[in-house]
PDB file of N, CA and C in Angstrom:
ATOM      1  N   MET A   1     133.170 -79.496 154.665  1.00  0.00           N
ATOM      2  CA  MET A   1     132.853 -80.572 153.757  1.00  0.00           C
ATOM      3  C   MET A   1     133.722 -80.431 152.518  1.00  0.00           C
ATOM      4  N   ARG A   2     134.128 -81.520 152.001  1.00  0.00           N
ATOM      5  CA  ARG A   2     134.971 -81.530 150.813  1.00  0.00           C
ATOM      6  C   ARG A   2     134.130 -81.988 149.625  1.00  0.00           C
ATOM      7  N   THR A   3     134.277 -81.306 148.475  1.00  0.00           N
ATOM      8  CA  THR A   3     133.528 -81.685 147.278  1.00  0.00           C
ATOM      9  C   THR A   3     134.362 -81.379 146.047  1.00  0.00           C
ATOM     10  N   THR A   4     133.903 -81.832 144.901  1.00  0.00           N
ATOM     11  CA  THR A   4     134.585 -81.585 143.634  1.00  0.00           C
ATOM     12  C   THR A   4     133.657 -80.803 142.731  1.00  0.00           C
ATOM     13  N   LEU A   5     134.181 -79.745 142.117  1.00  0.00           N
ATOM     14  CA  LEU A   5     133.419 -78.927 141.179  1.00  0.00           C
ATOM     15  C   LEU A   5     134.107 -78.966 139.824  1.00  0.00           C
ATOM     16  N   THR A   6     133.325 -78.904 138.781  1.00  0.00           N
ATOM     17  CA  THR A   6     133.877 -78.764 137.443  1.00  0.00           C
ATOM     18  C   THR A   6     133.573 -77.344 136.983  1.00  0.00           C
ATOM     19  N   ILE A   7     134.623 -76.559 136.790  1.00  0.00           N
ATOM     20  CA  ILE A   7     134.478 -75.162 136.374  1.00  0.00           C
ATOM     21  C   ILE A   7     135.470 -74.887 135.248  1.00  0.00           C
ATOM     22  N   SER A   8     135.287 -73.794 134.567  1.00  0.00           N
ATOM     23  CA  SER A   8     136.200 -73.441 133.481  1.00  0.00           C
ATOM     24  C   SER A   8     137.555 -73.027 134.047  1.00  0.00           C
ATOM     25  N   ASP A   9     138.582 -73.202 133.226  1.00  0.00           N
ATOM     26  CA  ASP A   9     139.929 -72.799 133.632  1.00  0.00           C
ATOM     27  C   ASP A   9     139.988 -71.301 133.906  1.00  0.00           C
ATOM     28  N   ALA A  10     139.293 -70.531 133.067  1.00  0.00           N
ATOM     29  CA  ALA A  10     139.313 -69.072 133.226  1.00  0.00           C
ATOM     30  C   ALA A  10     138.708 -68.652 134.563  1.00  0.00           C
ATOM     31  N   LEU A  11     137.606 -69.294 134.948  1.00  0.00           N
ATOM     32  CA  LEU A  11     136.971 -68.959 136.224  1.00  0.00           C
ATOM     33  C   LEU A  11     137.884 -69.326 137.388  1.00  0.00           C
ATOM     34  N   TYR A  12     138.533 -70.468 137.295  1.00  0.00           N
ATOM     35  CA  TYR A  12     139.452 -70.887 138.354  1.00  0.00           C
ATOM     36  C   TYR A  12     140.614 -69.893 138.481  1.00  0.00           C
ATOM     37  N   GLU A  13     141.150 -69.454 137.340  1.00  0.00           N
ATOM     38  CA  GLU A  13     142.257 -68.494 137.371  1.00  0.00           C
ATOM     39  C   GLU A  13     141.821 -67.176 138.013  1.00  0.00           C
ATOM     40  N   GLN A  14     140.616 -66.727 137.700  1.00  0.00           N
ATOM     41  CA  GLN A  14     140.103 -65.503 138.316  1.00  0.00           C
ATOM     42  C   GLN A  14     139.954 -65.685 139.822  1.00  0.00           C
ATOM     43  N   ALA A  15     139.490 -66.866 140.231  1.00  0.00           N
ATOM     44  CA  ALA A  15     139.336 -67.137 141.668  1.00  0.00           C
ATOM     45  C   ALA A  15     140.691 -67.165 142.363  1.00  0.00           C
ATOM     46  N   LYS A  16     141.714 -67.694 141.704  1.00  0.00           N
ATOM     47  CA  LYS A  16     143.058 -67.707 142.288  1.00  0.00           C
ATOM     48  C   LYS A  16     143.575 -66.292 142.500  1.00  0.00           C
ATOM     49  N   VAL A  17     143.367 -65.445 141.510  1.00  0.00           N
ATOM     50  CA  VAL A  17     143.812 -64.048 141.622  1.00  0.00           C
ATOM     51  C   VAL A  17     143.077 -63.368 142.771  1.00  0.00           C
ATOM     52  N   GLU A  18     141.780 -63.597 142.865  1.00  0.00           N
ATOM     53  CA  GLU A  18     140.980 -62.989 143.940  1.00  0.00           C
ATOM     54  C   GLU A  18     141.408 -63.531 145.302  1.00  0.00           C
ATOM     55  N   ALA A  19     141.746 -64.803 145.377  1.00  0.00           N
ATOM     56  CA  ALA A  19     142.182 -65.396 146.645  1.00  0.00           C
ATOM     57  C   ALA A  19     143.474 -64.731 147.127  1.00  0.00           C
ATOM     58  N   VAL A  20     144.399 -64.506 146.218  1.00  0.00           N
ATOM     59  CA  VAL A  20     145.649 -63.835 146.579  1.00  0.00           C
ATOM     60  C   VAL A  20     145.354 -62.411 147.042  1.00  0.00           C
ATOM     61  N   ARG A  21     144.473 -61.720 146.297  1.00  0.00           N
ATOM     62  CA  ARG A  21     144.122 -60.340 146.640  1.00  0.00           C
ATOM     63  C   ARG A  21     143.509 -60.251 148.036  1.00  0.00           C
ATOM     64  N   GLN A  22     142.645 -61.254 148.378  1.00  0.00           N
ATOM     65  CA  GLN A  22     141.963 -61.241 149.671  1.00  0.00           C
ATOM     66  C   GLN A  22     142.772 -61.915 150.774  1.00  0.00           C
ATOM     67  N   GLY A  23     143.847 -62.596 150.405  1.00  0.00           N
ATOM     68  CA  GLY A  23     144.640 -63.312 151.406  1.00  0.00           C
ATOM     69  C   GLY A  23     143.911 -64.537 151.938  1.00  0.00           C
ATOM     70  N   THR A  24     143.204 -65.227 151.053  1.00  0.00           N
ATOM     71  CA  THR A  24     142.450 -66.419 151.445  1.00  0.00           C
ATOM     72  C   THR A  24     142.731 -67.535 150.448  1.00  0.00           C
ATOM     73  N   THR A  25     141.986 -68.603 150.528  1.00  0.00           N
ATOM     74  CA  THR A  25     142.159 -69.724 149.609  1.00  0.00           C
ATOM     75  C   THR A  25     141.146 -69.631 148.463  1.00  0.00           C
ATOM     76  N   VAL A  26     141.390 -70.414 147.420  1.00  0.00           N
ATOM     77  CA  VAL A  26     140.438 -70.475 146.312  1.00  0.00           C
ATOM     78  C   VAL A  26     139.105 -71.023 146.821  1.00  0.00           C
ATOM     79  N   GLY A  27     139.171 -72.015 147.689  1.00  0.00           N
ATOM     80  CA  GLY A  27     137.950 -72.558 148.289  1.00  0.00           C
ATOM     81  C   GLY A  27     137.184 -71.502 149.061  1.00  0.00           C
ATOM     82  N   GLY A  28     137.917 -70.628 149.748  1.00  0.00           N
ATOM     83  CA  GLY A  28     137.276 -69.543 150.487  1.00  0.00           C
ATOM     84  C   GLY A  28     136.571 -68.565 149.560  1.00  0.00           C
ATOM     85  N   VAL A  29     137.180 -68.301 148.415  1.00  0.00           N
ATOM     86  CA  VAL A  29     136.561 -67.399 147.436  1.00  0.00           C
ATOM     87  C   VAL A  29     135.253 -68.012 146.931  1.00  0.00           C
ATOM     88  N   PHE A  30     135.296 -69.297 146.572  1.00  0.00           N
ATOM     89  CA  PHE A  30     134.081 -69.942 146.075  1.00  0.00           C
ATOM     90  C   PHE A  30     133.010 -70.036 147.154  1.00  0.00           C
ATOM     91  N   GLU A  31     133.415 -70.335 148.373  1.00  0.00           N
ATOM     92  CA  GLU A  31     132.436 -70.422 149.462  1.00  0.00           C
ATOM     93  C   GLU A  31     131.776 -69.065 149.701  1.00  0.00           C
ATOM     94  N   SER A  32     132.585 -68.012 149.708  1.00  0.00           N
ATOM     95  CA  SER A  32     132.042 -66.667 149.904  1.00  0.00           C
ATOM     96  C   SER A  32     131.099 -66.280 148.770  1.00  0.00           C
ATOM     97  N   ALA A  33     131.497 -66.593 147.535  1.00  0.00           N
ATOM     98  CA  ALA A  33     130.663 -66.262 146.376  1.00  0.00           C
ATOM     99  C   ALA A  33     129.345 -67.018 146.417  1.00  0.00           C
ATOM    100  N   LEU A  34     129.396 -68.297 146.761  1.00  0.00           N
ATOM    101  CA  LEU A  34     128.177 -69.103 146.825  1.00  0.00           C
ATOM    102  C   LEU A  34     127.274 -68.623 147.961  1.00  0.00           C
ATOM    103  N   ARG A  35     127.862 -68.290 149.094  1.00  0.00           N
ATOM    104  CA  ARG A  35     127.074 -67.779 150.215  1.00  0.00           C
ATOM    105  C   ARG A  35     126.357 -66.484 149.820  1.00  0.00           C
ATOM    106  N   GLY A  36     127.082 -65.576 149.183  1.00  0.00           N
ATOM    107  CA  GLY A  36     126.477 -64.317 148.738  1.00  0.00           C
ATOM    108  C   GLY A  36     125.372 -64.540 147.726  1.00  0.00           C
ATOM    109  N   TYR A  37     125.594 -65.464 146.795  1.00  0.00           N
ATOM    110  CA  TYR A  37     124.574 -65.774 145.789  1.00  0.00           C
ATOM    111  C   TYR A  37     123.311 -66.316 146.453  1.00  0.00           C
ATOM    112  N   LEU A  38     123.475 -67.250 147.376  1.00  0.00           N
ATOM    113  CA  LEU A  38     122.314 -67.853 148.038  1.00  0.00           C
ATOM    114  C   LEU A  38     121.589 -66.838 148.914  1.00  0.00           C
ATOM    115  N   GLU A  39     122.314 -65.925 149.536  1.00  0.00           N
ATOM    116  CA  GLU A  39     121.670 -64.881 150.331  1.00  0.00           C
ATOM    117  C   GLU A  39     120.839 -63.960 149.444  1.00  0.00           C
ATOM    118  N   ARG A  40     121.410 -63.560 148.301  1.00  0.00           N
ATOM    119  CA  ARG A  40     120.656 -62.700 147.368  1.00  0.00           C
ATOM    120  C   ARG A  40     119.444 -63.434 146.818  1.00  0.00           C
ATOM    121  N   LEU A  41     119.599 -64.699 146.528  1.00  0.00           N
ATOM    122  CA  LEU A  41     118.478 -65.502 146.028  1.00  0.00           C
ATOM    123  C   LEU A  41     117.372 -65.558 147.067  1.00  0.00           C
ATOM    124  N   GLY A  42     117.731 -65.734 148.331  1.00  0.00           N
ATOM    125  CA  GLY A  42     116.740 -65.756 149.411  1.00  0.00           C
ATOM    126  C   GLY A  42     116.034 -64.435 149.555  1.00  0.00           C
ATOM    127  N   GLN A  43     116.772 -63.334 149.381  1.00  0.00           N
ATOM    128  CA  GLN A  43     116.154 -62.012 149.465  1.00  0.00           C
ATOM    129  C   GLN A  43     115.176 -61.802 148.327  1.00  0.00           C
ATOM    130  N   LEU A  44     115.515 -62.300 147.147  1.00  0.00           N
ATOM    131  CA  LEU A  44     114.607 -62.157 146.013  1.00  0.00           C
ATOM    132  C   LEU A  44     113.329 -62.950 146.244  1.00  0.00           C
ATOM    133  N   GLN A  45     113.450 -64.133 146.824  1.00  0.00           N
ATOM    134  CA  GLN A  45     112.282 -64.958 147.062  1.00  0.00           C
ATOM    135  C   GLN A  45     111.391 -64.350 148.139  1.00  0.00           C
ATOM    136  N   CYS A  46     111.998 -63.643 149.079  1.00  0.00           N
ATOM    137  CA  CYS A  46     111.231 -63.051 150.169  1.00  0.00           C
ATOM    138  C   CYS A  46     110.670 -61.681 149.801  1.00  0.00           C
ATOM    139  N   ALA A  47     111.203 -61.073 148.769  1.00  0.00           N
ATOM    140  CA  ALA A  47     110.739 -59.741 148.378  1.00  0.00           C
ATOM    141  C   ALA A  47     109.284 -59.816 147.936  1.00  0.00           C
ATOM    142  N   GLU A  48     108.560 -58.749 148.230  1.00  0.00           N
ATOM    143  CA  GLU A  48     107.158 -58.705 147.826  1.00  0.00           C
ATOM    144  C   GLU A  48     107.095 -58.455 146.324  1.00  0.00           C
ATOM    145  N   LEU A  49     106.423 -59.319 145.629  1.00  0.00           N
ATOM    146  CA  LEU A  49     106.289 -59.194 144.190  1.00  0.00           C
ATOM    147  C   LEU A  49     105.056 -58.365 143.857  1.00  0.00           C
ATOM    148  N   PRO A  50     105.121 -57.602 142.787  1.00  0.00           N
ATOM    149  CA  PRO A  50     103.958 -56.795 142.413  1.00  0.00           C
ATOM    150  C   PRO A  50     102.821 -57.692 141.926  1.00  0.00           C
ATOM    151  N   ASP A  51     101.602 -57.189 142.045  1.00  0.00           N
ATOM    152  CA  ASP A  51     100.451 -57.915 141.531  1.00  0.00           C
ATOM    153  C   ASP A  51     100.533 -57.976 140.012  1.00  0.00           C
ATOM    154  N   LEU A  52     100.185 -59.122 139.468  1.00  0.00           N
ATOM    155  CA  LEU A  52     100.160 -59.277 138.028  1.00  0.00           C
ATOM    156  C   LEU A  52      98.837 -58.757 137.489  1.00  0.00           C
ATOM    157  N   PRO A  53      98.859 -58.153 136.318  1.00  0.00           N
ATOM    158  CA  PRO A  53      97.608 -57.650 135.753  1.00  0.00           C
ATOM    159  C   PRO A  53      96.682 -58.807 135.378  1.00  0.00           C
ATOM    160  N   VAL A  54      95.409 -58.592 135.522  1.00  0.00           N
ATOM    161  CA  VAL A  54      94.402 -59.590 135.176  1.00  0.00           C
ATOM    162  C   VAL A  54      93.518 -58.984 134.095  1.00  0.00           C
ATOM    163  N   PHE A  55      93.336 -59.741 133.035  1.00  0.00           N
ATOM    164  CA  PHE A  55      92.525 -59.263 131.919  1.00  0.00           C
ATOM    165  C   PHE A  55      91.272 -60.117 131.815  1.00  0.00           C
ATOM    166  N   ALA A  56      90.172 -59.505 131.552  1.00  0.00           N
ATOM    167  CA  ALA A  56      88.911 -60.230 131.391  1.00  0.00           C
ATOM    168  C   ALA A  56      88.793 -60.684 129.941  1.00  0.00           C
ATOM    169  N   ALA A  57      89.527 -61.706 129.587  1.00  0.00           N
ATOM    170  CA  ALA A  57      89.566 -62.161 128.204  1.00  0.00           C
ATOM    171  C   ALA A  57      88.599 -63.304 127.955  1.00  0.00           C
ATOM    172  N   GLY A  58      87.977 -63.809 128.969  1.00  0.00           N
ATOM    173  CA  GLY A  58      87.046 -64.918 128.761  1.00  0.00           C
ATOM    174  C   GLY A  58      87.715 -66.257 128.950  1.00  0.00           C
ATOM    175  N   CYS A  59      87.182 -67.257 128.283  1.00  0.00           N
ATOM    176  CA  CYS A  59      87.676 -68.633 128.459  1.00  0.00           C
ATOM    177  C   CYS A  59      88.801 -68.936 127.489  1.00  0.00           C
ATOM    178  N   VAL A  60      89.364 -70.098 127.706  1.00  0.00           N
ATOM    179  CA  VAL A  60      90.380 -70.611 126.796  1.00  0.00           C
ATOM    180  C   VAL A  60      89.689 -71.073 125.523  1.00  0.00           C
ATOM    181  N   ARG A  61      90.324 -70.809 124.405  1.00  0.00           N
ATOM    182  CA  ARG A  61      89.788 -71.218 123.112  1.00  0.00           C
ATOM    183  C   ARG A  61      89.574 -72.730 123.079  1.00  0.00           C
ATOM    184  N   PRO A  62      88.477 -73.210 122.537  1.00  0.00           N
ATOM    185  CA  PRO A  62      88.228 -74.657 122.477  1.00  0.00           C
ATOM    186  C   PRO A  62      89.374 -75.381 121.785  1.00  0.00           C
ATOM    187  N   GLY A  63      89.762 -76.516 122.341  1.00  0.00           N
ATOM    188  CA  GLY A  63      90.823 -77.327 121.751  1.00  0.00           C
ATOM    189  C   GLY A  63      92.219 -76.963 122.208  1.00  0.00           C
ATOM    190  N   VAL A  64      92.373 -75.910 123.018  1.00  0.00           N
ATOM    191  CA  VAL A  64      93.696 -75.512 123.501  1.00  0.00           C
ATOM    192  C   VAL A  64      94.026 -76.322 124.739  1.00  0.00           C
ATOM    193  N   ASP A  65      95.159 -77.002 124.691  1.00  0.00           N
ATOM    194  CA  ASP A  65      95.610 -77.816 125.817  1.00  0.00           C
ATOM    195  C   ASP A  65      96.709 -77.049 126.545  1.00  0.00           C
ATOM    196  N   LEU A  66      96.377 -76.486 127.696  1.00  0.00           N
ATOM    197  CA  LEU A  66      97.337 -75.672 128.439  1.00  0.00           C
ATOM    198  C   LEU A  66      98.468 -76.499 129.046  1.00  0.00           C
ATOM    199  N   ASP A  67      98.348 -77.812 128.999  1.00  0.00           N
ATOM    200  CA  ASP A  67      99.394 -78.680 129.543  1.00  0.00           C
ATOM    201  C   ASP A  67     100.449 -79.043 128.504  1.00  0.00           C
ATOM    202  N   ARG A  68     100.271 -78.616 127.272  1.00  0.00           N
ATOM    203  CA  ARG A  68     101.224 -78.935 126.209  1.00  0.00           C
ATOM    204  C   ARG A  68     101.850 -77.654 125.665  1.00  0.00           C
ATOM    205  N   ASN A  69     103.106 -77.416 126.017  1.00  0.00           N
ATOM    206  CA  ASN A  69     103.797 -76.205 125.570  1.00  0.00           C
ATOM    207  C   ASN A  69     103.869 -76.121 124.058  1.00  0.00           C
ATOM    208  N   ALA A  70     104.118 -77.255 123.406  1.00  0.00           N
ATOM    209  CA  ALA A  70     104.245 -77.247 121.947  1.00  0.00           C
ATOM    210  C   ALA A  70     102.942 -76.791 121.304  1.00  0.00           C
ATOM    211  N   ALA A  71     101.816 -77.233 121.833  1.00  0.00           N
ATOM    212  CA  ALA A  71     100.517 -76.845 121.282  1.00  0.00           C
ATOM    213  C   ALA A  71     100.293 -75.348 121.468  1.00  0.00           C
ATOM    214  N   LEU A  72     100.702 -74.805 122.600  1.00  0.00           N
ATOM    215  CA  LEU A  72     100.556 -73.368 122.837  1.00  0.00           C
ATOM    216  C   LEU A  72     101.435 -72.559 121.890  1.00  0.00           C
ATOM    217  N   ARG A  73     102.677 -73.034 121.674  1.00  0.00           N
ATOM    218  CA  ARG A  73     103.569 -72.348 120.738  1.00  0.00           C
ATOM    219  C   ARG A  73     102.975 -72.343 119.334  1.00  0.00           C
ATOM    220  N   GLU A  74     102.439 -73.485 118.916  1.00  0.00           N
ATOM    221  CA  GLU A  74     101.830 -73.571 117.587  1.00  0.00           C
ATOM    222  C   GLU A  74     100.680 -72.580 117.473  1.00  0.00           C
ATOM    223  N   LEU A  75      99.874 -72.485 118.507  1.00  0.00           N
ATOM    224  CA  LEU A  75      98.739 -71.572 118.494  1.00  0.00           C
ATOM    225  C   LEU A  75      99.204 -70.119 118.414  1.00  0.00           C
ATOM    226  N   LEU A  76     100.237 -69.774 119.190  1.00  0.00           N
ATOM    227  CA  LEU A  76     100.749 -68.407 119.184  1.00  0.00           C
ATOM    228  C   LEU A  76     101.376 -68.047 117.845  1.00  0.00           C
ATOM    229  N   ASP A  77     101.976 -69.031 117.164  1.00  0.00           N
ATOM    230  CA  ASP A  77     102.624 -68.798 115.890  1.00  0.00           C
ATOM    231  C   ASP A  77     101.660 -68.870 114.718  1.00  0.00           C
ATOM    232  N   GLU A  78     100.434 -69.208 114.977  1.00  0.00           N
ATOM    233  CA  GLU A  78      99.433 -69.394 113.927  1.00  0.00           C
ATOM    234  C   GLU A  78      99.292 -68.144 113.066  1.00  0.00           C
ATOM    235  N   GLY A  79      99.381 -68.321 111.786  1.00  0.00           N
ATOM    236  CA  GLY A  79      99.178 -67.210 110.868  1.00  0.00           C
ATOM    237  C   GLY A  79     100.414 -66.366 110.635  1.00  0.00           C
ATOM    238  N   LEU A  80     101.527 -66.670 111.268  1.00  0.00           N
ATOM    239  CA  LEU A  80     102.746 -65.904 111.059  1.00  0.00           C
ATOM    240  C   LEU A  80     103.619 -66.598 110.030  1.00  0.00           C
ATOM    241  N   GLY A  81     104.225 -65.829 109.147  1.00  0.00           N
ATOM    242  CA  GLY A  81     105.158 -66.392 108.184  1.00  0.00           C
ATOM    243  C   GLY A  81     106.459 -66.771 108.853  1.00  0.00           C
ATOM    244  N   MET A  82     107.294 -67.529 108.141  1.00  0.00           N
ATOM    245  CA  MET A  82     108.570 -67.983 108.708  1.00  0.00           C
ATOM    246  C   MET A  82     109.476 -66.816 109.067  1.00  0.00           C
ATOM    247  N   ASP A  83     109.460 -65.743 108.278  1.00  0.00           N
ATOM    248  CA  ASP A  83     110.322 -64.596 108.587  1.00  0.00           C
ATOM    249  C   ASP A  83     109.932 -63.954 109.914  1.00  0.00           C
ATOM    250  N   ALA A  84     108.654 -63.934 110.216  1.00  0.00           N
ATOM    251  CA  ALA A  84     108.192 -63.328 111.475  1.00  0.00           C
ATOM    252  C   ALA A  84     108.556 -64.192 112.673  1.00  0.00           C
ATOM    253  N   LEU A  85     108.778 -65.485 112.445  1.00  0.00           N
ATOM    254  CA  LEU A  85     109.097 -66.404 113.545  1.00  0.00           C
ATOM    255  C   LEU A  85     110.588 -66.429 113.867  1.00  0.00           C
ATOM    256  N   ARG A  86     111.417 -65.791 113.068  1.00  0.00           N
ATOM    257  CA  ARG A  86     112.861 -65.816 113.306  1.00  0.00           C
ATOM    258  C   ARG A  86     113.272 -64.776 114.290  1.00  0.00           C
TER     259      ARG A  86
END
């Protein structure tokens, strides 16, 4: 399949050097790199993840909307000065 990618000039130059080193094409270098990345990604998804700790903290504080990230950030930042938030 033929496609067009937008990549940095520096990355393309590195791929050209690697293609010469391996005796292949730039497309072959990118295909190999993408294949390896997707294989590693699949292995990570299939790996058994450790159990997450569970804390008996009770219920959610009244008025907290877990569907609004901004509201949660405001709650977490509550009582902190501006210097502590930087």
